[in-house]
Protein backbone atom coordinates (compact mmCIF):
# COMPACT_ATOMS: atom_id res chain seq x y z
CA UNK A 1 -36.83 37.05 34.36
CA UNK A 2 -39.95 35.74 32.53
CA UNK A 3 -40.64 32.60 31.42
CA UNK A 4 -40.10 33.76 27.33
CA UNK A 5 -36.95 35.02 27.90
CA UNK A 6 -35.73 31.52 30.00
CA UNK A 7 -37.31 29.43 26.79
CA UNK A 8 -35.03 31.64 24.96
CA UNK A 9 -31.98 31.14 25.83
CA UNK A 10 -31.79 27.82 26.50
CA UNK A 11 -33.13 27.70 22.87
CA UNK A 12 -30.08 29.74 21.86
CA UNK A 13 -27.54 27.50 23.84
CA UNK A 14 -29.08 23.78 22.32
CA UNK A 15 -29.03 25.60 19.07
CA UNK A 16 -25.03 26.83 19.40
CA UNK A 17 -23.84 23.34 20.78
CA UNK A 18 -25.79 21.70 18.30
CA UNK A 19 -24.27 23.74 15.13
CA UNK A 20 -20.87 23.46 16.52
CA UNK A 21 -21.29 19.40 17.33
CA UNK A 22 -22.80 19.28 13.13
CA UNK A 23 -19.69 21.00 11.89
CA UNK A 24 -17.54 18.60 13.85
CA UNK A 25 -19.57 15.17 13.44
CA UNK A 26 -21.40 15.96 11.00
CA UNK A 27 -19.86 16.48 7.80
CA UNK A 28 -18.70 13.18 5.81
CA UNK A 29 -15.68 11.80 5.64
CA UNK A 30 -15.63 12.02 2.01
CA UNK A 31 -16.29 16.03 2.68
CA UNK A 32 -13.62 15.80 4.66
CA UNK A 33 -10.94 14.28 2.41
CA UNK A 34 -11.98 17.22 -0.39
CA UNK A 35 -11.55 19.86 1.81
CA UNK A 36 -8.26 18.66 2.38
CA UNK A 37 -7.10 19.08 -1.23
CA UNK A 38 -7.04 15.27 -1.83
CA UNK A 39 -8.01 13.34 -4.64
CA UNK A 40 -9.07 9.73 -2.82
CA UNK A 41 -9.20 8.33 -6.33
CA UNK A 42 -5.86 9.60 -7.42
CA UNK A 43 -2.24 7.19 -7.25
CA UNK A 44 -0.74 9.74 -4.30
CA UNK A 45 -3.86 9.21 -2.46
CA UNK A 46 -3.80 4.93 -2.84
CA UNK A 47 0.31 5.36 -1.85
CA UNK A 48 -0.72 6.59 1.04
CA UNK A 49 -3.06 4.74 2.01
CA UNK A 50 -0.56 1.87 1.09
CA UNK A 51 1.64 3.38 3.40
CA UNK A 52 -0.69 3.28 6.22
CA UNK A 53 -1.31 -0.47 5.73
CA UNK A 54 2.28 -0.86 5.89
CA UNK A 55 3.28 1.36 9.08
CA UNK A 56 0.13 -0.57 10.30
CA UNK A 57 1.68 -4.34 9.78
CA UNK A 58 5.31 -3.46 10.64
CA UNK A 59 4.16 -1.27 13.76
CA UNK A 60 2.29 -4.56 14.98
CA UNK A 61 5.14 -7.48 13.73
CA UNK A 62 7.54 -4.87 16.25
CA UNK A 63 4.47 -5.06 18.99
CA UNK A 64 3.80 -8.43 18.73
CA UNK A 65 7.58 -9.26 18.65
CA UNK A 66 8.40 -7.04 21.43
CA UNK A 67 5.77 -9.49 23.90
CA UNK A 68 7.11 -12.61 22.38
CA UNK A 69 10.52 -12.35 22.46
CA UNK A 70 10.81 -10.38 25.58
CA UNK A 71 7.98 -13.42 27.25
CA UNK A 72 10.99 -16.22 26.51
CA UNK A 73 12.71 -17.39 29.58
CA UNK A 74 16.26 -18.10 28.76
CA UNK A 75 15.97 -21.48 31.21
CA UNK A 76 13.20 -22.51 29.22
CA UNK A 77 14.99 -22.24 26.23
CA UNK A 78 18.04 -24.01 27.31
CA UNK A 79 15.66 -26.46 28.41
CA UNK A 80 13.66 -27.20 24.62
CA UNK A 81 17.37 -27.34 23.43
CA UNK A 82 17.99 -30.28 24.84
CA UNK A 83 14.98 -31.52 25.50
CA UNK A 84 12.39 -30.60 22.78
CA UNK A 85 11.42 -31.72 19.28
CA UNK A 86 13.81 -30.40 16.23
CA UNK A 87 11.75 -27.63 15.31
CA UNK A 88 12.07 -26.81 18.86
CA UNK A 89 15.53 -26.98 19.33
CA UNK A 90 16.06 -25.34 16.43
CA UNK A 91 13.78 -22.55 17.01
CA UNK A 92 15.10 -22.25 20.35
CA UNK A 93 18.79 -21.68 19.18
CA UNK A 94 18.33 -19.17 16.93
CA UNK A 95 15.97 -16.48 19.29
CA UNK A 96 18.97 -17.70 22.21
CA UNK A 97 21.89 -16.36 20.09
CA UNK A 98 19.97 -13.04 19.60
CA UNK A 99 18.71 -12.77 23.09
CA UNK A 100 22.20 -13.44 23.84
CA UNK A 101 23.43 -10.53 22.70
CA UNK A 102 21.54 -8.43 24.77
CA UNK A 103 18.24 -9.10 26.18
CA UNK A 104 17.89 -4.77 26.87
CA UNK A 105 19.42 -3.97 23.47
CA UNK A 106 16.62 -6.47 21.95
CA UNK A 107 13.60 -4.48 23.92
CA UNK A 108 15.11 -1.14 23.62
CA UNK A 109 15.25 -1.61 19.83
CA UNK A 110 11.77 -2.67 19.38
CA UNK A 111 10.35 -0.05 21.90
CA UNK A 112 12.55 2.52 19.25
CA UNK A 113 10.89 0.77 16.18
CA UNK A 114 7.60 0.77 17.61
CA UNK A 115 7.58 4.36 18.67
CA UNK A 116 8.78 5.69 15.33
CA UNK A 117 6.30 3.97 13.19
CA UNK A 118 3.29 4.94 15.35
CA UNK A 119 4.27 8.64 16.21
CA UNK A 120 4.76 8.20 11.82
CA UNK A 121 1.26 7.35 11.33
CA UNK A 122 -1.04 9.97 12.86
CA UNK A 123 1.19 12.29 10.21
CA UNK A 124 0.70 10.32 7.35
CA UNK A 125 -3.13 9.62 8.28
CA UNK A 126 -3.69 13.88 8.61
CA UNK A 127 -2.35 14.29 5.27
CA UNK A 128 -5.08 11.38 4.11
CA UNK A 129 -8.03 12.59 6.30
CA UNK A 130 -7.43 16.37 6.80
CA UNK A 131 -6.07 16.13 9.97
CA UNK A 132 -8.21 16.82 13.22
CA UNK A 133 -9.95 14.49 15.55
CA UNK A 134 -10.70 11.88 12.57
CA UNK A 135 -7.13 11.17 12.13
CA UNK A 136 -6.33 10.75 15.96
CA UNK A 137 -9.39 8.18 16.08
CA UNK A 138 -8.48 6.47 13.12
CA UNK A 139 -4.67 5.79 14.44
CA UNK A 140 -5.71 5.31 17.35
CA UNK A 141 -8.40 2.77 16.47
CA UNK A 142 -5.69 1.26 13.56
CA UNK A 143 -2.71 0.86 15.97
CA UNK A 144 -5.19 -0.67 19.39
CA UNK A 145 -6.62 -3.73 17.07
CA UNK A 146 -4.32 -4.56 14.39
CA UNK A 147 -0.70 -3.05 16.14
CA UNK A 148 -1.51 -4.16 19.26
CA UNK A 149 -4.15 -6.35 20.10
CA UNK A 150 -4.03 -9.15 17.15
CA UNK A 151 0.00 -9.48 16.61
CA UNK A 152 0.48 -9.72 20.35
CA UNK A 153 -2.44 -12.12 21.14
CA UNK A 154 -0.85 -14.23 17.62
CA UNK A 155 2.82 -13.74 19.37
CA UNK A 156 1.81 -14.97 22.82
CA UNK A 157 0.82 -18.23 21.50
CA UNK A 158 3.22 -18.48 19.04
CA UNK A 159 6.53 -16.31 20.22
CA UNK A 160 9.53 -18.95 19.52
CA UNK A 161 8.84 -19.78 16.34
CA UNK A 162 7.99 -16.27 14.79
CA UNK A 163 10.88 -15.32 17.11
CA UNK A 164 13.26 -17.32 14.95
CA UNK A 165 12.01 -16.63 11.82
CA UNK A 166 12.47 -12.78 12.44
CA UNK A 167 15.51 -13.09 14.62
CA UNK A 168 17.97 -11.48 11.02
CA UNK A 169 15.17 -8.92 11.35
CA UNK A 170 15.81 -8.16 14.67
CA UNK A 171 19.22 -7.93 13.86
CA UNK A 172 19.47 -5.64 11.78
CA UNK A 173 17.39 -3.33 13.22
CA UNK A 174 20.11 -3.36 16.44
CA UNK A 175 23.36 -2.60 14.33
CA UNK A 176 20.78 0.53 12.74
CA UNK A 177 19.35 1.78 16.19
CA UNK A 178 22.81 0.84 17.76
CA UNK A 179 23.89 4.42 18.41
CA UNK A 180 20.56 5.11 20.37
CA UNK A 181 19.81 1.60 21.30
CA UNK A 182 22.92 0.24 22.95
CA UNK A 183 24.13 2.90 25.11
CA UNK A 184 20.57 2.73 26.34
CA UNK A 185 20.79 -0.65 27.32
CA UNK A 186 23.74 -0.68 28.49
CA UNK A 187 22.62 1.96 31.59
CA UNK A 188 19.72 -0.61 32.12
CA UNK A 189 21.97 -3.47 32.73
CA UNK A 190 23.76 -1.53 35.13
CA UNK A 191 21.03 -0.50 36.98
CA UNK A 192 18.44 -3.36 37.05
CA UNK A 193 21.26 -6.01 36.16
CA UNK A 194 20.99 -8.34 33.71
CA UNK A 195 18.86 -11.23 33.05
CA UNK A 196 19.88 -14.65 33.10
CA UNK A 197 16.77 -16.48 32.69
CA UNK A 198 14.54 -17.57 35.71
CA UNK A 199 16.64 -19.59 38.57
CA UNK A 200 14.58 -21.63 40.81
CA UNK A 201 15.03 -22.32 44.34
CA UNK A 202 14.22 -25.35 45.86
CA UNK A 203 10.91 -24.32 47.37
CA UNK A 204 10.23 -23.15 44.04
CA UNK A 205 11.22 -26.38 42.09
CA UNK A 206 8.99 -28.34 44.40
CA UNK A 207 6.03 -26.39 43.58
CA UNK A 208 7.10 -26.55 40.16
CA UNK A 209 7.32 -30.11 39.95
CA UNK A 210 4.31 -30.79 41.86
CA UNK A 211 2.47 -28.64 39.02
CA UNK A 212 3.65 -31.20 36.47
CA UNK A 213 2.02 -34.06 38.38
CA UNK A 214 -0.04 -36.69 35.84
CA UNK A 215 -3.91 -35.72 36.35
CA UNK A 216 -4.76 -38.46 34.02
CA UNK A 217 -2.37 -41.80 34.72
CA UNK A 218 -2.55 -42.69 31.00
CA UNK A 219 -0.31 -39.59 30.56
CA UNK A 220 2.74 -41.45 30.84
CA UNK A 221 4.85 -37.86 29.91
CA UNK A 222 3.51 -36.37 32.81
CA UNK A 223 5.25 -37.23 36.83
CA UNK A 224 3.55 -39.91 39.10
CA UNK A 225 2.84 -39.32 42.54
CA UNK A 226 5.35 -41.61 43.23
CA UNK A 227 8.35 -39.33 41.26
CA UNK A 228 7.03 -36.41 42.54
CA UNK A 229 7.38 -37.55 46.51
CA UNK A 230 10.82 -39.04 45.38
CA UNK A 231 12.10 -35.29 43.82
CA UNK A 232 10.78 -33.38 46.95
CA UNK A 233 12.69 -35.69 49.09
CA UNK A 234 16.15 -35.33 47.10
CA UNK A 235 15.62 -31.61 47.37
CA UNK A 236 15.23 -31.94 51.18
CA UNK A 237 17.48 -34.28 51.66
CA UNK A 238 20.76 -31.54 52.28
CA UNK A 239 18.75 -29.86 54.76
CA UNK A 240 17.85 -31.97 56.77
CA UNK A 241 20.08 -33.07 59.61
CA UNK A 242 21.29 -37.09 60.77
CA UNK A 243 19.37 -36.18 64.23
CA UNK A 244 15.94 -36.54 62.48
CA UNK A 245 16.15 -39.74 61.09
CA UNK A 246 18.53 -41.99 63.15
CA UNK A 247 17.91 -44.53 65.89
CA UNK A 248 18.42 -43.74 68.99
CA UNK A 249 20.04 -45.59 71.35
CA UNK A 250 17.38 -46.76 73.47
CA UNK A 251 15.64 -48.23 70.23
CA UNK A 252 18.93 -49.65 68.57
CA UNK A 253 20.66 -53.88 69.33
CA UNK A 254 23.91 -53.05 70.78
CA UNK A 255 26.63 -55.65 72.23
CA UNK A 256 29.19 -54.89 75.38
CA UNK A 257 32.27 -56.28 74.78
CA UNK A 258 32.43 -58.95 77.38
CA UNK A 259 28.97 -60.43 76.06
CA UNK A 260 29.52 -64.31 75.54
CA UNK A 261 28.53 -65.15 72.01
CA UNK A 262 26.73 -68.64 72.77
CA UNK A 263 24.00 -70.16 71.19
CA UNK A 264 21.26 -67.85 72.60
CA UNK A 265 22.91 -65.06 72.01
CA UNK A 266 24.04 -65.77 68.50
CA UNK A 267 20.06 -67.00 68.32
CA UNK A 268 19.41 -63.68 69.33
CA UNK A 269 21.22 -62.08 66.42
CA UNK A 270 20.52 -63.93 63.64
CA UNK A 271 16.72 -63.56 64.50
CA UNK A 272 17.22 -60.14 64.99
CA UNK A 273 17.77 -60.15 60.72
CA UNK A 274 21.21 -57.44 61.48
CA UNK A 275 23.91 -57.08 59.53
CA UNK A 276 26.03 -54.66 61.95
CA UNK A 277 25.64 -54.42 65.51
CA UNK A 278 27.66 -51.66 67.24
CA UNK A 279 29.97 -52.53 70.12
CA UNK A 280 30.08 -51.24 73.05
CA UNK A 281 32.48 -51.34 76.48
CA UNK A 282 31.09 -53.17 79.35
CA UNK A 283 31.15 -49.97 81.79
CA UNK A 284 29.95 -47.55 79.62
CA UNK A 285 27.04 -47.88 77.21
CA UNK A 286 27.86 -44.61 75.20
CA UNK A 287 31.28 -45.20 74.55
CA UNK A 288 31.25 -47.88 71.17
CA UNK A 289 34.31 -48.74 70.13
CA UNK A 290 33.22 -50.27 66.57
CA UNK A 291 30.98 -52.78 65.35
CA UNK A 292 30.45 -56.47 64.43
CA UNK A 293 29.62 -57.88 61.23
CA UNK A 294 26.75 -60.21 60.63
CA UNK A 295 28.69 -62.54 58.25
CA UNK A 296 31.20 -62.74 60.60
CA UNK A 297 29.64 -65.27 62.12
CA UNK A 298 29.05 -67.55 59.75
CA UNK A 299 32.41 -69.35 60.35
CA UNK A 300 31.73 -69.12 64.29
CA UNK A 301 30.82 -72.24 66.39
CA UNK A 302 28.50 -70.61 69.43
CA UNK A 303 29.98 -73.81 71.39
CA UNK A 304 33.48 -71.88 71.69
CA UNK A 305 31.41 -68.94 73.37
CA UNK A 306 33.58 -66.40 72.92
CA UNK A 307 33.67 -62.72 74.33
CA UNK A 308 32.44 -60.18 71.26
CA UNK A 309 36.22 -58.87 71.58
CA UNK A 310 37.82 -61.71 70.51
CA UNK A 311 36.05 -61.57 67.06
CA UNK A 312 37.12 -59.24 65.03
CA UNK A 313 35.86 -55.77 65.30
CA UNK A 314 34.98 -53.53 62.28
CA UNK A 315 35.35 -49.42 62.97
CA UNK A 316 32.43 -47.36 63.83
CA UNK A 317 32.64 -44.01 62.07
CA UNK A 318 31.40 -41.03 64.24
CA UNK A 319 29.82 -37.54 63.42
CA UNK A 320 27.68 -34.78 64.18
CA UNK A 321 24.05 -34.76 64.88
CA UNK A 322 24.22 -31.25 62.72
CA UNK A 323 25.86 -33.44 60.03
CA UNK A 324 23.61 -33.60 57.13
CA UNK A 325 21.66 -36.02 55.31
CA UNK A 326 23.26 -35.42 51.79
CA UNK A 327 26.73 -35.29 53.07
CA UNK A 328 26.71 -38.71 54.84
CA UNK A 329 25.22 -40.40 51.93
CA UNK A 330 28.44 -39.24 50.10
CA UNK A 331 30.08 -41.26 53.29
CA UNK A 332 28.69 -44.26 52.52
CA UNK A 333 29.05 -44.64 49.15
CA UNK A 334 33.23 -44.44 49.67
CA UNK A 335 32.24 -48.19 50.81
CA UNK A 336 34.07 -48.09 54.15
CA UNK A 337 31.11 -48.22 56.28
CA UNK A 338 27.30 -48.01 56.09
CA UNK A 339 26.61 -47.21 59.57
CA UNK A 340 27.61 -44.14 61.63
CA UNK A 341 27.09 -43.03 64.86
CA UNK A 342 25.77 -40.20 65.62
CA UNK A 343 27.02 -38.12 68.51
CA UNK A 344 27.51 -34.67 70.35
CA UNK A 345 31.38 -35.81 70.85
CA UNK A 346 32.56 -37.55 67.40
CA UNK A 347 35.31 -39.40 68.58
CA UNK A 348 35.06 -39.12 72.38
CA UNK A 349 34.10 -41.80 74.79
CA UNK A 350 30.51 -40.22 75.62
CA UNK A 351 28.03 -38.25 73.47
CA UNK A 352 26.27 -41.06 71.67
CA UNK A 353 22.96 -40.58 70.35
CA UNK A 354 21.98 -42.77 68.08
CA UNK A 355 22.88 -44.70 65.23
CA UNK A 356 22.26 -44.12 61.38
CA UNK A 357 22.28 -46.70 57.98
CA UNK A 358 22.45 -46.28 54.67
CA UNK A 359 18.63 -47.75 54.49
CA UNK A 360 17.94 -44.41 56.95
CA UNK A 361 19.43 -42.08 54.47
CA UNK A 362 17.60 -44.01 50.94
CA UNK A 363 14.51 -44.51 52.78
CA UNK A 364 14.45 -40.29 53.10
CA UNK A 365 16.12 -40.34 49.58
CA UNK A 366 12.75 -41.84 48.51
CA UNK A 367 10.50 -40.23 50.71
CA UNK A 368 8.71 -43.79 51.98
CA UNK A 369 9.87 -46.22 54.31
CA UNK A 370 11.95 -49.39 53.07
CA UNK A 371 10.12 -52.99 54.94
CA UNK A 372 13.16 -56.14 54.72
CA UNK A 373 12.12 -59.69 55.85
CA UNK A 374 12.58 -59.06 58.82
CA UNK A 375 11.22 -56.06 60.14
CA UNK A 376 8.44 -55.89 62.78
CA UNK A 377 7.98 -52.17 62.63
CA UNK A 378 7.95 -49.78 60.33
CA UNK A 379 8.25 -46.76 62.59
CA UNK A 380 9.87 -48.28 65.48
CA UNK A 381 9.73 -44.90 67.44
CA UNK A 382 5.66 -44.59 67.20
CA UNK A 383 5.36 -48.25 67.12
CA UNK A 384 3.47 -48.65 63.77
CA UNK A 385 3.53 -52.67 62.84
CA UNK A 386 4.28 -53.90 59.23
CA UNK A 387 1.37 -55.08 57.72
CA UNK A 388 2.07 -58.07 55.37
CA UNK A 389 -0.13 -59.77 52.72
CA UNK A 390 -0.67 -63.22 53.12
CA UNK A 391 0.08 -64.91 49.90
CA UNK A 392 0.08 -69.25 50.18
CA UNK A 393 3.05 -70.87 48.54
CA UNK A 394 3.59 -74.21 49.16
CA UNK A 395 6.55 -74.56 47.72
CA UNK A 396 8.49 -72.13 50.58
CA UNK A 397 5.96 -73.53 53.40
CA UNK A 398 7.73 -77.45 52.30
CA UNK A 399 10.92 -75.30 51.95
CA UNK A 400 10.68 -74.24 55.69
CA UNK A 401 9.52 -77.82 57.40
CA UNK A 402 12.81 -78.93 55.63
CA UNK A 403 15.14 -76.72 56.78
CA UNK A 404 13.56 -77.18 60.60
CA UNK A 405 13.75 -81.24 60.17
CA UNK A 406 17.71 -80.38 59.45
CA UNK A 407 18.47 -77.80 61.96
CA UNK A 408 20.61 -80.11 63.61
CA UNK A 409 21.44 -82.90 60.74
CA UNK A 410 25.29 -82.90 59.78
CA UNK A 411 25.80 -82.55 56.31
CA UNK A 412 27.29 -84.61 53.98
CA UNK A 413 30.22 -83.27 51.67
CA UNK A 414 32.42 -85.53 49.56
CA UNK A 415 31.32 -88.30 51.58
CA UNK A 416 32.30 -87.17 54.21
CA UNK A 417 30.70 -85.91 57.88
CA UNK A 418 31.75 -81.78 58.44
CA UNK A 419 33.33 -81.49 61.54
CA UNK A 420 31.09 -79.92 64.28
CA UNK A 421 31.73 -76.21 63.69
CA UNK A 422 30.36 -76.36 59.92
CA UNK A 423 26.91 -78.35 61.37
CA UNK A 424 26.50 -75.51 64.53
CA UNK A 425 26.84 -72.97 62.05
CA UNK A 426 24.34 -74.77 59.94
CA UNK A 427 21.84 -75.26 63.17
CA UNK A 428 22.47 -71.27 63.71
CA UNK A 429 21.25 -70.17 60.26
CA UNK A 430 18.08 -72.58 60.65
CA UNK A 431 17.23 -71.75 63.93
CA UNK A 432 14.61 -68.81 63.01
CA UNK A 433 11.30 -70.44 62.95
CA UNK A 434 8.03 -68.71 63.59
CA UNK A 435 8.66 -69.59 67.49
CA UNK A 436 10.54 -66.99 67.79
CA UNK A 437 8.80 -63.12 68.79
CA UNK A 438 10.85 -60.05 67.54
CA UNK A 439 10.63 -58.04 70.76
CA UNK A 440 9.96 -54.33 69.84
CA UNK A 441 13.38 -53.14 71.43
CA UNK A 442 15.12 -55.70 69.47
CA UNK A 443 14.03 -55.19 66.25
CA UNK A 444 13.99 -51.39 64.92
CA UNK A 445 13.70 -50.92 61.33
CA UNK A 446 16.37 -48.03 61.01
CA UNK A 447 19.46 -50.44 62.23
CA UNK A 448 19.12 -52.45 59.26
CA UNK A 449 20.87 -52.42 56.39
CA UNK A 450 20.23 -52.89 52.73
CA UNK A 451 21.80 -56.12 51.25
CA UNK A 452 24.63 -53.79 49.22
CA UNK A 453 25.57 -52.70 53.09
CA UNK A 454 25.57 -56.20 54.18
CA UNK A 455 27.88 -57.33 51.50
CA UNK A 456 30.23 -54.11 51.13
CA UNK A 457 34.01 -55.07 51.71
CA UNK A 458 35.30 -53.91 55.28
CA UNK A 459 38.76 -52.69 55.27
CA UNK A 460 40.36 -53.26 58.75
CA UNK A 461 42.60 -51.01 59.66
CA UNK A 462 41.44 -47.77 58.24
CA UNK A 463 40.66 -44.47 59.87
CA UNK A 464 36.86 -44.98 60.40
CA UNK A 465 37.23 -44.24 64.39
CA UNK A 466 38.04 -40.19 64.11
CA UNK A 467 35.31 -37.69 63.62
CA UNK A 468 33.40 -37.65 60.36
CA UNK A 469 33.13 -35.35 58.16
CA UNK A 470 35.11 -32.41 60.36
CA UNK A 471 32.49 -32.42 62.90
CA UNK A 472 34.70 -32.51 65.39
CA UNK A 473 34.05 -29.69 68.30
């Protein structure tokens, strides 16, 4: 083919394309409007323009409310009703009343209304712009910019306030669209289930709480690290068995029913600082028959040298190793006992594994160790010693010297010398000095009960020897 012929065909194709393009894009908008038969200066033209503006605004309201109301969680609304500001409480109540009628009903109503508006807009624009591509482009631009992006951006940030102000309008639309919207919403409820807000599981709650930890220490409304730790420990309390926090028997301080409570043994008991001591039979060290309350030694004279069995022995409840810490805490709250025996055969004569006290559960509850005045180890199993800060106190040092000097001195009451029993008792409680070294096997911190446990009322004749919490195999 000659070169001139090639250029001819190329030239013809380019001119045809440019001519067609000029017919579409080259004609001014005013010409298009005039060709449509509308006078843009007439009243009917501006009425149609006003209708277009109203449709764009209404469509934007529907689009913004769809995202704003559907983005509000019912759980968060209940939280705002309980702890929000007065304005937030009032707005949350209005929105919650609306959503309680049916979240899917609200959703279908808003979507249906938005679709009707968006489908009406190009029809009106067709009469104004003369139809064709320009009507589609103009309506798309108006819907995207003024009917979607801007309204949804505003409602995402201020969805609660805007939703409360327009709740009445949405409710009216819900009943106007009732014949179509309500059946559709019921179908969605049947297929997808009703929405009742976000309900967090324990793992989710722990993550949620940790996200609210204060970054700035001056923020008094945020959670501190200790509060986050305690809340997390409380959430784990039910799933943690007592076998994980109990003190094994080899680390517990126990006595036999035949042990003689002479001065040496009483000094060991008082020096160890226990408030409760498990008591076992002499022939079987894992067959426990009860516990001795240390406060019963207040009126006891070590010179009597009585066996343990001659003193009042309180009952020692038993539980299985799989009992949860929350269940054992609920039992301790009843006031029957603040110590329990963990046994693989609760109520039997064998199977004892360890002991658990109220202090053990409280330590798990707060997520930290509790160290009292007599503790030597923070963790007796790992042999982690207590590090105490030495604070000089002249008054305490003088008091200790006076107690040591008057260890065996009789106490005068009402001008009379008290009997030997009172004298010996005073000597026993003053016998603890710096020369006593508490051995590791004598002082597992987990067996030490707190002050509330040492003053709890112990009832005689109860049924605490029975298996605890139904863990009898």
